[in-house]
């Protein structure tokens, strides 16, 4: 099965316009981190509609905007896998977490994210929590490299994100997120 990329680009937002910061990053190539579960919602919960409840009438008088319903921001818990060397795991995971939190040089904590597997992407995404539990396993399918046995390490960890723009669909084309 072919690996499907998780692509992330840092952004800024001035209240009306999103601006890309830096390049689109393939998390597997840059940090040896792949996505196991990224539970985007196609349409999240609707915002409350203005209404009046007349005591002398049945039901309620609800205003539904002519341009459609509005949707609430939402949180999602994402499960990531680290597949790389045990020697590099600490540094690569730290670099990945710094990147998604905007702590890298000239970084921004606001993200555009695109999952190639589900072909779903959102903008206005930021980290709310990085799980402190890391489950690691030694891969029993190691190999000999230059006379030494080397096995990949698999680490599983979770990150919670907040999606502030729940309906804009980020697209990936020619190496760019838009």
C-alpha atoms as a PDB file:
ATOM      1  CA  UNK A   1       0.000   0.000   0.000  1.00  0.00           C
ATOM      2  CA  UNK A   2       1.310   3.415  -0.949  1.00  0.00           C
ATOM      3  CA  UNK A   3       1.939   5.949   1.816  1.00  0.00           C
ATOM      4  CA  UNK A   4      -0.504   8.871   1.760  1.00  0.00           C
ATOM      5  CA  UNK A   5       0.976  12.175   2.872  1.00  0.00           C
ATOM      6  CA  UNK A   6      -0.063  14.428   5.712  1.00  0.00           C
ATOM      7  CA  UNK A   7       0.786  17.941   4.589  1.00  0.00           C
ATOM      8  CA  UNK A   8       0.966  20.937   6.911  1.00  0.00           C
ATOM      9  CA  UNK A   9       1.642  24.602   6.227  1.00  0.00           C
ATOM     10  CA  UNK A  10       1.911  27.289   8.851  1.00  0.00           C
ATOM     11  CA  UNK A  11      -0.282  30.370   8.352  1.00  0.00           C
ATOM     12  CA  UNK A  12      -1.197  33.712   9.840  1.00  0.00           C
ATOM     13  CA  UNK A  13      -4.671  35.249   9.973  1.00  0.00           C
ATOM     14  CA  UNK A  14      -5.403  38.961  10.294  1.00  0.00           C
ATOM     15  CA  UNK A  15      -9.159  38.710  10.761  1.00  0.00           C
ATOM     16  CA  UNK A  16      -9.973  38.537   7.060  1.00  0.00           C
ATOM     17  CA  UNK A  17      -7.113  36.882   5.172  1.00  0.00           C
ATOM     18  CA  UNK A  18      -5.027  33.748   5.682  1.00  0.00           C
ATOM     19  CA  UNK A  19      -1.381  34.101   4.642  1.00  0.00           C
ATOM     20  CA  UNK A  20       0.968  31.131   4.192  1.00  0.00           C
ATOM     21  CA  UNK A  21       4.184  31.056   6.222  1.00  0.00           C
ATOM     22  CA  UNK A  22       7.060  28.968   4.875  1.00  0.00           C
ATOM     23  CA  UNK A  23       6.711  25.866   2.729  1.00  0.00           C
ATOM     24  CA  UNK A  24       4.268  22.954   2.740  1.00  0.00           C
ATOM     25  CA  UNK A  25       5.756  20.206   4.930  1.00  0.00           C
ATOM     26  CA  UNK A  26       5.302  16.471   4.381  1.00  0.00           C
ATOM     27  CA  UNK A  27       5.441  15.231   7.974  1.00  0.00           C
ATOM     28  CA  UNK A  28       6.876  11.831   7.014  1.00  0.00           C
ATOM     29  CA  UNK A  29       9.737  13.296   5.022  1.00  0.00           C
ATOM     30  CA  UNK A  30      10.540  16.070   7.500  1.00  0.00           C
ATOM     31  CA  UNK A  31       9.983  14.333  10.862  1.00  0.00           C
ATOM     32  CA  UNK A  32       9.307  10.595  10.202  1.00  0.00           C
ATOM     33  CA  UNK A  33       5.789  11.228  11.554  1.00  0.00           C
ATOM     34  CA  UNK A  34       2.741   9.826   9.766  1.00  0.00           C
ATOM     35  CA  UNK A  35      -0.931  10.147  10.515  1.00  0.00           C
ATOM     36  CA  UNK A  36      -2.853   7.118  11.741  1.00  0.00           C
ATOM     37  CA  UNK A  37      -6.161   8.892  12.433  1.00  0.00           C
ATOM     38  CA  UNK A  38      -7.167  12.438  11.469  1.00  0.00           C
ATOM     39  CA  UNK A  39     -10.919  12.608  12.142  1.00  0.00           C
ATOM     40  CA  UNK A  40     -11.966  15.666  10.139  1.00  0.00           C
ATOM     41  CA  UNK A  41     -15.672  16.372  10.212  1.00  0.00           C
ATOM     42  CA  UNK A  42     -17.327  16.915   6.858  1.00  0.00           C
ATOM     43  CA  UNK A  43     -19.898  19.174   8.495  1.00  0.00           C
ATOM     44  CA  UNK A  44     -19.664  19.783  12.236  1.00  0.00           C
ATOM     45  CA  UNK A  45     -22.475  20.825  14.557  1.00  0.00           C
ATOM     46  CA  UNK A  46     -24.543  23.805  13.417  1.00  0.00           C
ATOM     47  CA  UNK A  47     -24.494  27.045  15.339  1.00  0.00           C
ATOM     48  CA  UNK A  48     -27.605  27.927  17.295  1.00  0.00           C
ATOM     49  CA  UNK A  49     -30.197  29.710  15.192  1.00  0.00           C
ATOM     50  CA  UNK A  50     -31.997  32.825  16.443  1.00  0.00           C
ATOM     51  CA  UNK A  51     -35.492  31.935  17.541  1.00  0.00           C
ATOM     52  CA  UNK A  52     -38.565  33.176  19.352  1.00  0.00           C
ATOM     53  CA  UNK A  53     -40.773  30.945  21.404  1.00  0.00           C
ATOM     54  CA  UNK A  54     -44.276  32.414  21.537  1.00  0.00           C
ATOM     55  CA  UNK A  55     -46.220  31.174  24.547  1.00  0.00           C
ATOM     56  CA  UNK A  56     -49.539  31.303  22.698  1.00  0.00           C
ATOM     57  CA  UNK A  57     -48.270  29.310  19.659  1.00  0.00           C
ATOM     58  CA  UNK A  58     -46.983  25.769  19.087  1.00  0.00           C
ATOM     59  CA  UNK A  59     -43.305  25.223  18.286  1.00  0.00           C
ATOM     60  CA  UNK A  60     -40.902  28.086  17.760  1.00  0.00           C
ATOM     61  CA  UNK A  61     -40.270  30.820  15.230  1.00  0.00           C
ATOM     62  CA  UNK A  62     -36.747  30.095  13.876  1.00  0.00           C
ATOM     63  CA  UNK A  63     -34.763  32.389  11.615  1.00  0.00           C
ATOM     64  CA  UNK A  64     -32.828  30.417   8.989  1.00  0.00           C
ATOM     65  CA  UNK A  65     -30.361  32.573   7.018  1.00  0.00           C
ATOM     66  CA  UNK A  66     -31.002  32.693   3.273  1.00  0.00           C
ATOM     67  CA  UNK A  67     -27.340  31.808   2.577  1.00  0.00           C
ATOM     68  CA  UNK A  68     -27.480  28.629   4.681  1.00  0.00           C
ATOM     69  CA  UNK A  69     -26.561  27.293   8.071  1.00  0.00           C
ATOM     70  CA  UNK A  70     -23.409  28.229   9.979  1.00  0.00           C
ATOM     71  CA  UNK A  71     -21.196  25.678  11.735  1.00  0.00           C
ATOM     72  CA  UNK A  72     -19.302  25.619  15.025  1.00  0.00           C
ATOM     73  CA  UNK A  73     -15.556  25.267  15.397  1.00  0.00           C
ATOM     74  CA  UNK A  74     -14.579  21.879  16.809  1.00  0.00           C
ATOM     75  CA  UNK A  75     -11.782  19.909  18.444  1.00  0.00           C
ATOM     76  CA  UNK A  76     -10.365  16.639  17.240  1.00  0.00           C
ATOM     77  CA  UNK A  77      -7.847  14.200  18.643  1.00  0.00           C
ATOM     78  CA  UNK A  78      -5.326  12.998  16.082  1.00  0.00           C
ATOM     79  CA  UNK A  79      -3.221   9.864  16.417  1.00  0.00           C
ATOM     80  CA  UNK A  80       0.284  10.024  14.950  1.00  0.00           C
ATOM     81  CA  UNK A  81       2.935   7.359  14.413  1.00  0.00           C
ATOM     82  CA  UNK A  82       6.678   7.914  14.533  1.00  0.00           C
ATOM     83  CA  UNK A  83       8.636   5.476  12.389  1.00  0.00           C
ATOM     84  CA  UNK A  84      12.357   6.048  12.518  1.00  0.00           C
ATOM     85  CA  UNK A  85      15.449   5.297  14.519  1.00  0.00           C
ATOM     86  CA  UNK A  86      15.439   5.211  18.283  1.00  0.00           C
ATOM     87  CA  UNK A  87      18.499   7.496  18.282  1.00  0.00           C
ATOM     88  CA  UNK A  88      16.644  10.196  16.345  1.00  0.00           C
ATOM     89  CA  UNK A  89      13.166   9.816  17.882  1.00  0.00           C
ATOM     90  CA  UNK A  90      13.575  12.395  20.662  1.00  0.00           C
ATOM     91  CA  UNK A  91      14.918  15.123  18.361  1.00  0.00           C
ATOM     92  CA  UNK A  92      12.494  14.457  15.500  1.00  0.00           C
ATOM     93  CA  UNK A  93       9.426  14.372  17.764  1.00  0.00           C
ATOM     94  CA  UNK A  94      10.556  17.578  19.470  1.00  0.00           C
ATOM     95  CA  UNK A  95      11.025  19.232  16.065  1.00  0.00           C
ATOM     96  CA  UNK A  96       7.579  18.040  14.906  1.00  0.00           C
ATOM     97  CA  UNK A  97       5.866  19.331  18.064  1.00  0.00           C
ATOM     98  CA  UNK A  98       7.743  22.632  17.835  1.00  0.00           C
ATOM     99  CA  UNK A  99       6.618  22.935  14.196  1.00  0.00           C
ATOM    100  CA  UNK A 100       2.904  22.285  14.798  1.00  0.00           C
ATOM    101  CA  UNK A 101       2.974  24.688  17.785  1.00  0.00           C
ATOM    102  CA  UNK A 102       4.746  27.403  15.771  1.00  0.00           C
ATOM    103  CA  UNK A 103       7.877  27.333  17.937  1.00  0.00           C
ATOM    104  CA  UNK A 104      10.196  26.827  14.973  1.00  0.00           C
ATOM    105  CA  UNK A 105      12.200  29.738  13.543  1.00  0.00           C
ATOM    106  CA  UNK A 106       9.809  32.281  11.968  1.00  0.00           C
ATOM    107  CA  UNK A 107       6.947  29.857  12.605  1.00  0.00           C
ATOM    108  CA  UNK A 108       3.277  30.384  13.301  1.00  0.00           C
ATOM    109  CA  UNK A 109       0.941  28.256  15.446  1.00  0.00           C
ATOM    110  CA  UNK A 110      -1.926  28.528  12.949  1.00  0.00           C
ATOM    111  CA  UNK A 111      -1.957  25.693  10.409  1.00  0.00           C
ATOM    112  CA  UNK A 112      -3.464  24.530   7.152  1.00  0.00           C
ATOM    113  CA  UNK A 113      -3.624  20.727   7.151  1.00  0.00           C
ATOM    114  CA  UNK A 114      -4.308  18.326   4.281  1.00  0.00           C
ATOM    115  CA  UNK A 115      -4.678  14.540   4.594  1.00  0.00           C
ATOM    116  CA  UNK A 116      -3.976  12.887   1.238  1.00  0.00           C
ATOM    117  CA  UNK A 117      -5.665   9.635   2.320  1.00  0.00           C
ATOM    118  CA  UNK A 118      -9.084  11.189   2.966  1.00  0.00           C
ATOM    119  CA  UNK A 119      -8.431  14.094   0.560  1.00  0.00           C
ATOM    120  CA  UNK A 120      -9.642  16.438   3.282  1.00  0.00           C
ATOM    121  CA  UNK A 121      -8.036  19.639   4.487  1.00  0.00           C
ATOM    122  CA  UNK A 122      -8.830  22.531   6.798  1.00  0.00           C
ATOM    123  CA  UNK A 123      -7.294  25.885   7.613  1.00  0.00           C
ATOM    124  CA  UNK A 124      -7.343  27.810  10.867  1.00  0.00           C
ATOM    125  CA  UNK A 125      -6.146  24.767  12.817  1.00  0.00           C
ATOM    126  CA  UNK A 126      -4.068  25.025  15.995  1.00  0.00           C
ATOM    127  CA  UNK A 127      -2.797  22.697  18.731  1.00  0.00           C
ATOM    128  CA  UNK A 128      -4.666  22.650  22.048  1.00  0.00           C
ATOM    129  CA  UNK A 129      -2.832  19.742  23.685  1.00  0.00           C
ATOM    130  CA  UNK A 130       0.036  17.374  23.028  1.00  0.00           C
ATOM    131  CA  UNK A 131      -0.433  14.061  24.821  1.00  0.00           C
ATOM    132  CA  UNK A 132       2.332  13.175  27.255  1.00  0.00           C
ATOM    133  CA  UNK A 133       1.962   9.453  26.654  1.00  0.00           C
ATOM    134  CA  UNK A 134       4.202   7.892  24.029  1.00  0.00           C
ATOM    135  CA  UNK A 135       3.912   4.199  23.359  1.00  0.00           C
ATOM    136  CA  UNK A 136       6.984   2.755  21.642  1.00  0.00           C
ATOM    137  CA  UNK A 137       7.540  -0.605  20.087  1.00  0.00           C
ATOM    138  CA  UNK A 138      10.645  -2.128  18.564  1.00  0.00           C
ATOM    139  CA  UNK A 139       9.959  -3.385  15.073  1.00  0.00           C
ATOM    140  CA  UNK A 140      10.847  -7.084  14.917  1.00  0.00           C
ATOM    141  CA  UNK A 141      11.422  -6.782  11.162  1.00  0.00           C
ATOM    142  CA  UNK A 142      14.794  -5.109  11.551  1.00  0.00           C
ATOM    143  CA  UNK A 143      17.629  -5.390   9.063  1.00  0.00           C
ATOM    144  CA  UNK A 144      21.402  -5.577   9.015  1.00  0.00           C
ATOM    145  CA  UNK A 145      23.156  -2.384   7.948  1.00  0.00           C
ATOM    146  CA  UNK A 146      26.956  -2.370   7.754  1.00  0.00           C
ATOM    147  CA  UNK A 147      27.103  -5.491   9.917  1.00  0.00           C
ATOM    148  CA  UNK A 148      24.832  -4.114  12.673  1.00  0.00           C
ATOM    149  CA  UNK A 149      21.225  -5.068  13.324  1.00  0.00           C
ATOM    150  CA  UNK A 150      18.975  -1.995  12.989  1.00  0.00           C
ATOM    151  CA  UNK A 151      15.275  -1.936  13.795  1.00  0.00           C
ATOM    152  CA  UNK A 152      12.848   0.910  13.249  1.00  0.00           C
ATOM    153  CA  UNK A 153      11.088   2.272  16.293  1.00  0.00           C
ATOM    154  CA  UNK A 154       7.390   2.916  16.144  1.00  0.00           C
ATOM    155  CA  UNK A 155       5.999   5.512  18.539  1.00  0.00           C
ATOM    156  CA  UNK A 156       2.301   6.295  18.899  1.00  0.00           C
ATOM    157  CA  UNK A 157       1.192   9.655  20.295  1.00  0.00           C
ATOM    158  CA  UNK A 158      -1.860  11.919  20.263  1.00  0.00           C
ATOM    159  CA  UNK A 159      -2.349  15.623  19.629  1.00  0.00           C
ATOM    160  CA  UNK A 160      -5.564  17.621  20.061  1.00  0.00           C
ATOM    161  CA  UNK A 161      -6.326  20.310  17.499  1.00  0.00           C
ATOM    162  CA  UNK A 162      -8.959  23.045  17.302  1.00  0.00           C
ATOM    163  CA  UNK A 163     -10.442  23.674  13.850  1.00  0.00           C
ATOM    164  CA  UNK A 164     -11.582  27.309  13.726  1.00  0.00           C
ATOM    165  CA  UNK A 165     -12.659  27.320  10.068  1.00  0.00           C
ATOM    166  CA  UNK A 166     -14.765  24.141   9.935  1.00  0.00           C
ATOM    167  CA  UNK A 167     -16.116  24.351   6.385  1.00  0.00           C
ATOM    168  CA  UNK A 168     -13.360  25.786   4.184  1.00  0.00           C
ATOM    169  CA  UNK A 169     -11.914  22.913   2.166  1.00  0.00           C
ATOM    170  CA  UNK A 170      -8.130  23.135   1.749  1.00  0.00           C
ATOM    171  CA  UNK A 171      -6.941  21.679  -1.563  1.00  0.00           C
ATOM    172  CA  UNK A 172      -3.512  20.339  -2.526  1.00  0.00           C
ATOM    173  CA  UNK A 173      -2.233  20.996  -6.017  1.00  0.00           C
ATOM    174  CA  UNK A 174       1.259  21.231  -7.506  1.00  0.00           C
ATOM    175  CA  UNK A 175       2.968  21.241  -4.110  1.00  0.00           C
ATOM    176  CA  UNK A 176       0.791  24.009  -2.627  1.00  0.00           C
ATOM    177  CA  UNK A 177      -2.117  24.145  -0.208  1.00  0.00           C
ATOM    178  CA  UNK A 178      -4.890  26.574  -1.056  1.00  0.00           C
END
